[in-house]
PDB file of N, CA and C in Angstrom:
ATOM      1  N   UNK A   1     -93.654 -22.876 -79.035  1.00  0.00           N
ATOM      2  CA  UNK A   1     -94.080 -23.211 -77.702  1.00  0.00           C
ATOM      3  C   UNK A   1     -92.866 -23.708 -76.928  1.00  0.00           C
ATOM      4  N   UNK A   2     -92.724 -23.219 -75.699  1.00  0.00           N
ATOM      5  CA  UNK A   2     -91.647 -23.667 -74.809  1.00  0.00           C
ATOM      6  C   UNK A   2     -92.265 -24.032 -73.464  1.00  0.00           C
ATOM      7  N   UNK A   3     -91.922 -25.213 -72.967  1.00  0.00           N
ATOM      8  CA  UNK A   3     -92.399 -25.654 -71.658  1.00  0.00           C
ATOM      9  C   UNK A   3     -91.186 -26.022 -70.826  1.00  0.00           C
ATOM     10  N   UNK A   4     -91.049 -25.379 -69.661  1.00  0.00           N
ATOM     11  CA  UNK A   4     -89.895 -25.595 -68.798  1.00  0.00           C
ATOM     12  C   UNK A   4     -89.938 -26.937 -68.082  1.00  0.00           C
ATOM     13  N   UNK A   5     -88.879 -27.207 -67.334  1.00  0.00           N
ATOM     14  CA  UNK A   5     -88.767 -28.459 -66.585  1.00  0.00           C
ATOM     15  C   UNK A   5     -89.764 -28.511 -65.440  1.00  0.00           C
ATOM     16  N   UNK A   6     -90.189 -29.728 -65.113  1.00  0.00           N
ATOM     17  CA  UNK A   6     -91.034 -30.000 -63.959  1.00  0.00           C
ATOM     18  C   UNK A   6     -92.392 -29.296 -64.036  1.00  0.00           C
ATOM     19  N   UNK A   7     -92.946 -29.151 -65.233  1.00  0.00           N
ATOM     20  CA  UNK A   7     -94.278 -28.577 -65.408  1.00  0.00           C
ATOM     21  C   UNK A   7     -95.303 -29.698 -65.510  1.00  0.00           C
ATOM     22  N   UNK A   8     -96.486 -29.463 -65.006  1.00  0.00           N
ATOM     23  CA  UNK A   8     -97.590 -30.402 -65.136  1.00  0.00           C
ATOM     24  C   UNK A   8     -98.632 -29.754 -66.029  1.00  0.00           C
ATOM     25  N   UNK A   9     -99.096 -30.489 -67.034  1.00  0.00           N
ATOM     26  CA  UNK A   9    -100.111 -29.997 -67.958  1.00  0.00           C
ATOM     27  C   UNK A   9    -101.340 -30.887 -67.803  1.00  0.00           C
ATOM     28  N   UNK A  10    -102.475 -30.299 -67.391  1.00  0.00           N
ATOM     29  CA  UNK A  10    -103.695 -31.067 -67.155  1.00  0.00           C
ATOM     30  C   UNK A  10    -104.325 -31.590 -68.437  1.00  0.00           C
ATOM     31  N   UNK A  11    -105.132 -32.623 -68.292  1.00  0.00           N
ATOM     32  CA  UNK A  11    -105.817 -33.256 -69.427  1.00  0.00           C
ATOM     33  C   UNK A  11    -106.705 -32.257 -70.157  1.00  0.00           C
ATOM     34  N   UNK A  12    -106.725 -32.359 -71.477  1.00  0.00           N
ATOM     35  CA  UNK A  12    -107.597 -31.519 -72.288  1.00  0.00           C
ATOM     36  C   UNK A  12    -107.116 -30.092 -72.459  1.00  0.00           C
ATOM     37  N   UNK A  13    -105.901 -29.809 -72.031  1.00  0.00           N
ATOM     38  CA  UNK A  13    -105.340 -28.462 -72.161  1.00  0.00           C
ATOM     39  C   UNK A  13    -104.927 -28.199 -73.601  1.00  0.00           C
ATOM     40  N   UNK A  14    -105.174 -26.978 -74.066  1.00  0.00           N
ATOM     41  CA  UNK A  14    -104.738 -26.552 -75.395  1.00  0.00           C
ATOM     42  C   UNK A  14    -103.704 -25.454 -75.194  1.00  0.00           C
ATOM     43  N   UNK A  15    -102.490 -25.679 -75.715  1.00  0.00           N
ATOM     44  CA  UNK A  15    -101.414 -24.692 -75.605  1.00  0.00           C
ATOM     45  C   UNK A  15    -101.194 -24.104 -76.990  1.00  0.00           C
ATOM     46  N   UNK A  16    -101.424 -22.806 -77.132  1.00  0.00           N
ATOM     47  CA  UNK A  16    -101.357 -22.146 -78.429  1.00  0.00           C
ATOM     48  C   UNK A  16     -99.938 -21.740 -78.804  1.00  0.00           C
ATOM     49  N   UNK A  17     -99.718 -21.554 -80.094  1.00  0.00           N
ATOM     50  CA  UNK A  17     -98.417 -21.180 -80.648  1.00  0.00           C
ATOM     51  C   UNK A  17     -97.871 -19.924 -79.961  1.00  0.00           C
ATOM     52  N   UNK A  18     -96.586 -19.940 -79.692  1.00  0.00           N
ATOM     53  CA  UNK A  18     -95.914 -18.794 -79.094  1.00  0.00           C
ATOM     54  C   UNK A  18     -95.959 -18.761 -77.575  1.00  0.00           C
ATOM     55  N   UNK A  19     -96.578 -19.749 -76.955  1.00  0.00           N
ATOM     56  CA  UNK A  19     -96.694 -19.792 -75.496  1.00  0.00           C
ATOM     57  C   UNK A  19     -95.375 -20.222 -74.869  1.00  0.00           C
ATOM     58  N   UNK A  20     -95.029 -19.588 -73.739  1.00  0.00           N
ATOM     59  CA  UNK A  20     -93.832 -19.951 -72.987  1.00  0.00           C
ATOM     60  C   UNK A  20     -94.241 -20.149 -71.528  1.00  0.00           C
ATOM     61  N   UNK A  21     -94.001 -21.353 -71.019  1.00  0.00           N
ATOM     62  CA  UNK A  21     -94.308 -21.683 -69.628  1.00  0.00           C
ATOM     63  C   UNK A  21     -92.992 -22.064 -68.972  1.00  0.00           C
ATOM     64  N   UNK A  22     -92.582 -21.291 -67.963  1.00  0.00           N
ATOM     65  CA  UNK A  22     -91.303 -21.566 -67.310  1.00  0.00           C
ATOM     66  C   UNK A  22     -91.439 -22.705 -66.304  1.00  0.00           C
ATOM     67  N   UNK A  23     -90.321 -23.098 -65.713  1.00  0.00           N
ATOM     68  CA  UNK A  23     -90.212 -24.275 -64.844  1.00  0.00           C
ATOM     69  C   UNK A  23     -91.167 -24.254 -63.648  1.00  0.00           C
ATOM     70  N   UNK A  24     -91.502 -25.449 -63.187  1.00  0.00           N
ATOM     71  CA  UNK A  24     -92.271 -25.677 -61.958  1.00  0.00           C
ATOM     72  C   UNK A  24     -93.662 -25.061 -61.979  1.00  0.00           C
ATOM     73  N   UNK A  25     -94.284 -25.017 -63.138  1.00  0.00           N
ATOM     74  CA  UNK A  25     -95.628 -24.458 -63.261  1.00  0.00           C
ATOM     75  C   UNK A  25     -96.632 -25.576 -63.507  1.00  0.00           C
ATOM     76  N   UNK A  26     -97.891 -25.299 -63.177  1.00  0.00           N
ATOM     77  CA  UNK A  26     -98.971 -26.259 -63.365  1.00  0.00           C
ATOM     78  C   UNK A  26    -100.061 -25.587 -64.192  1.00  0.00           C
ATOM     79  N   UNK A  27    -100.540 -26.285 -65.224  1.00  0.00           N
ATOM     80  CA  UNK A  27    -101.650 -25.789 -66.033  1.00  0.00           C
ATOM     81  C   UNK A  27    -102.861 -26.664 -65.725  1.00  0.00           C
ATOM     82  N   UNK A  28    -103.946 -26.045 -65.264  1.00  0.00           N
ATOM     83  CA  UNK A  28    -105.151 -26.788 -64.885  1.00  0.00           C
ATOM     84  C   UNK A  28    -105.797 -27.457 -66.095  1.00  0.00           C
ATOM     85  N   UNK A  29    -106.440 -28.578 -65.853  1.00  0.00           N
ATOM     86  CA  UNK A  29    -107.111 -29.338 -66.916  1.00  0.00           C
ATOM     87  C   UNK A  29    -108.129 -28.471 -67.646  1.00  0.00           C
ATOM     88  N   UNK A  30    -108.191 -28.637 -68.964  1.00  0.00           N
ATOM     89  CA  UNK A  30    -109.182 -27.940 -69.773  1.00  0.00           C
ATOM     90  C   UNK A  30    -108.852 -26.497 -70.087  1.00  0.00           C
ATOM     91  N   UNK A  31    -107.665 -26.052 -69.723  1.00  0.00           N
ATOM     92  CA  UNK A  31    -107.283 -24.658 -69.970  1.00  0.00           C
ATOM     93  C   UNK A  31    -106.895 -24.440 -71.429  1.00  0.00           C
ATOM     94  N   UNK A  32    -107.064 -23.208 -71.885  1.00  0.00           N
ATOM     95  CA  UNK A  32    -106.572 -22.776 -73.190  1.00  0.00           C
ATOM     96  C   UNK A  32    -105.532 -21.710 -72.878  1.00  0.00           C
ATOM     97  N   UNK A  33    -104.266 -21.992 -73.196  1.00  0.00           N
ATOM     98  CA  UNK A  33    -103.156 -21.173 -72.721  1.00  0.00           C
ATOM     99  C   UNK A  33    -102.453 -20.466 -73.876  1.00  0.00           C
ATOM    100  N   UNK A  34    -102.249 -19.150 -73.710  1.00  0.00           N
ATOM    101  CA  UNK A  34    -101.498 -18.361 -74.681  1.00  0.00           C
ATOM    102  C   UNK A  34    -100.776 -17.254 -73.924  1.00  0.00           C
ATOM    103  N   UNK A  35     -99.497 -17.060 -74.199  1.00  0.00           N
ATOM    104  CA  UNK A  35     -98.736 -15.996 -73.557  1.00  0.00           C
ATOM    105  C   UNK A  35     -97.496 -16.523 -72.875  1.00  0.00           C
ATOM    106  N   UNK A  36     -96.914 -15.678 -72.022  1.00  0.00           N
ATOM    107  CA  UNK A  36     -95.705 -16.045 -71.289  1.00  0.00           C
ATOM    108  C   UNK A  36     -96.011 -16.083 -69.803  1.00  0.00           C
ATOM    109  N   UNK A  37     -95.564 -17.151 -69.149  1.00  0.00           N
ATOM    110  CA  UNK A  37     -95.828 -17.350 -67.733  1.00  0.00           C
ATOM    111  C   UNK A  37     -94.512 -17.634 -67.021  1.00  0.00           C
ATOM    112  N   UNK A  38     -94.269 -16.946 -65.915  1.00  0.00           N
ATOM    113  CA  UNK A  38     -93.040 -17.116 -65.143  1.00  0.00           C
ATOM    114  C   UNK A  38     -93.042 -18.459 -64.426  1.00  0.00           C
ATOM    115  N   UNK A  39     -91.918 -18.796 -63.811  1.00  0.00           N
ATOM    116  CA  UNK A  39     -91.825 -20.061 -63.081  1.00  0.00           C
ATOM    117  C   UNK A  39     -92.692 -20.018 -61.825  1.00  0.00           C
ATOM    118  N   UNK A  40     -93.038 -21.190 -61.332  1.00  0.00           N
ATOM    119  CA  UNK A  40     -93.817 -21.364 -60.101  1.00  0.00           C
ATOM    120  C   UNK A  40     -95.217 -20.764 -60.189  1.00  0.00           C
ATOM    121  N   UNK A  41     -95.883 -20.919 -61.321  1.00  0.00           N
ATOM    122  CA  UNK A  41     -97.242 -20.422 -61.507  1.00  0.00           C
ATOM    123  C   UNK A  41     -98.230 -21.573 -61.553  1.00  0.00           C
ATOM    124  N   UNK A  42     -99.431 -21.302 -61.063  1.00  0.00           N
ATOM    125  CA  UNK A  42    -100.578 -22.169 -61.283  1.00  0.00           C
ATOM    126  C   UNK A  42    -101.420 -21.427 -62.304  1.00  0.00           C
ATOM    127  N   UNK A  43    -101.647 -22.023 -63.457  1.00  0.00           N
ATOM    128  CA  UNK A  43    -102.349 -21.345 -64.552  1.00  0.00           C
ATOM    129  C   UNK A  43    -103.720 -21.981 -64.717  1.00  0.00           C
ATOM    130  N   UNK A  44    -104.759 -21.190 -64.467  1.00  0.00           N
ATOM    131  CA  UNK A  44    -106.146 -21.625 -64.626  1.00  0.00           C
ATOM    132  C   UNK A  44    -106.706 -20.740 -65.717  1.00  0.00           C
ATOM    133  N   UNK A  45    -107.094 -21.295 -66.810  1.00  0.00           N
ATOM    134  CA  UNK A  45    -107.476 -20.408 -67.885  1.00  0.00           C
ATOM    135  C   UNK A  45    -108.793 -20.753 -68.545  1.00  0.00           C
ATOM    136  N   UNK A  46    -109.684 -19.904 -68.369  1.00  0.00           N
ATOM    137  CA  UNK A  46    -110.884 -19.780 -69.177  1.00  0.00           C
ATOM    138  C   UNK A  46    -110.728 -18.373 -69.733  1.00  0.00           C
ATOM    139  N   UNK A  47    -110.236 -17.529 -68.875  1.00  0.00           N
ATOM    140  CA  UNK A  47    -109.780 -16.167 -69.088  1.00  0.00           C
ATOM    141  C   UNK A  47    -108.493 -16.111 -68.301  1.00  0.00           C
ATOM    142  N   UNK A  48    -107.402 -15.766 -68.808  1.00  0.00           N
ATOM    143  CA  UNK A  48    -106.112 -15.940 -68.143  1.00  0.00           C
ATOM    144  C   UNK A  48    -106.175 -15.555 -66.667  1.00  0.00           C
ATOM    145  N   UNK A  49    -105.959 -16.532 -65.793  1.00  0.00           N
ATOM    146  CA  UNK A  49    -105.894 -16.307 -64.358  1.00  0.00           C
ATOM    147  C   UNK A  49    -104.583 -16.907 -63.876  1.00  0.00           C
ATOM    148  N   UNK A  50    -103.769 -16.089 -63.233  1.00  0.00           N
ATOM    149  CA  UNK A  50    -102.487 -16.562 -62.735  1.00  0.00           C
ATOM    150  C   UNK A  50    -102.512 -16.517 -61.211  1.00  0.00           C
ATOM    151  N   UNK A  51    -102.069 -17.592 -60.583  1.00  0.00           N
ATOM    152  CA  UNK A  51    -102.004 -17.643 -59.131  1.00  0.00           C
ATOM    153  C   UNK A  51    -100.548 -17.875 -58.769  1.00  0.00           C
ATOM    154  N   UNK A  52     -99.934 -16.910 -58.113  1.00  0.00           N
ATOM    155  CA  UNK A  52     -98.518 -17.015 -57.785  1.00  0.00           C
ATOM    156  C   UNK A  52     -98.362 -17.402 -56.316  1.00  0.00           C
ATOM    157  N   UNK A  53     -97.411 -18.261 -56.044  1.00  0.00           N
ATOM    158  CA  UNK A  53     -97.105 -18.635 -54.669  1.00  0.00           C
ATOM    159  C   UNK A  53     -98.131 -19.567 -54.042  1.00  0.00           C
ATOM    160  N   UNK A  54     -98.715 -20.419 -54.821  1.00  0.00           N
ATOM    161  CA  UNK A  54     -99.704 -21.356 -54.296  1.00  0.00           C
ATOM    162  C   UNK A  54     -98.979 -22.411 -53.575  1.00  0.00           C
TER     163      UNK A  54
END
């Protein structure tokens, strides 16, 4: 697992093995995250949803 600088991880979030989250990203509370996410993403996950440029 790799988490970049200036990322916010919401309460109750589960980050699975092999996940990479680049800088300046936010993971919403209660999300289950797996995969690679570019910088400046808002990650809302029940089913991977990426919001770019929020």
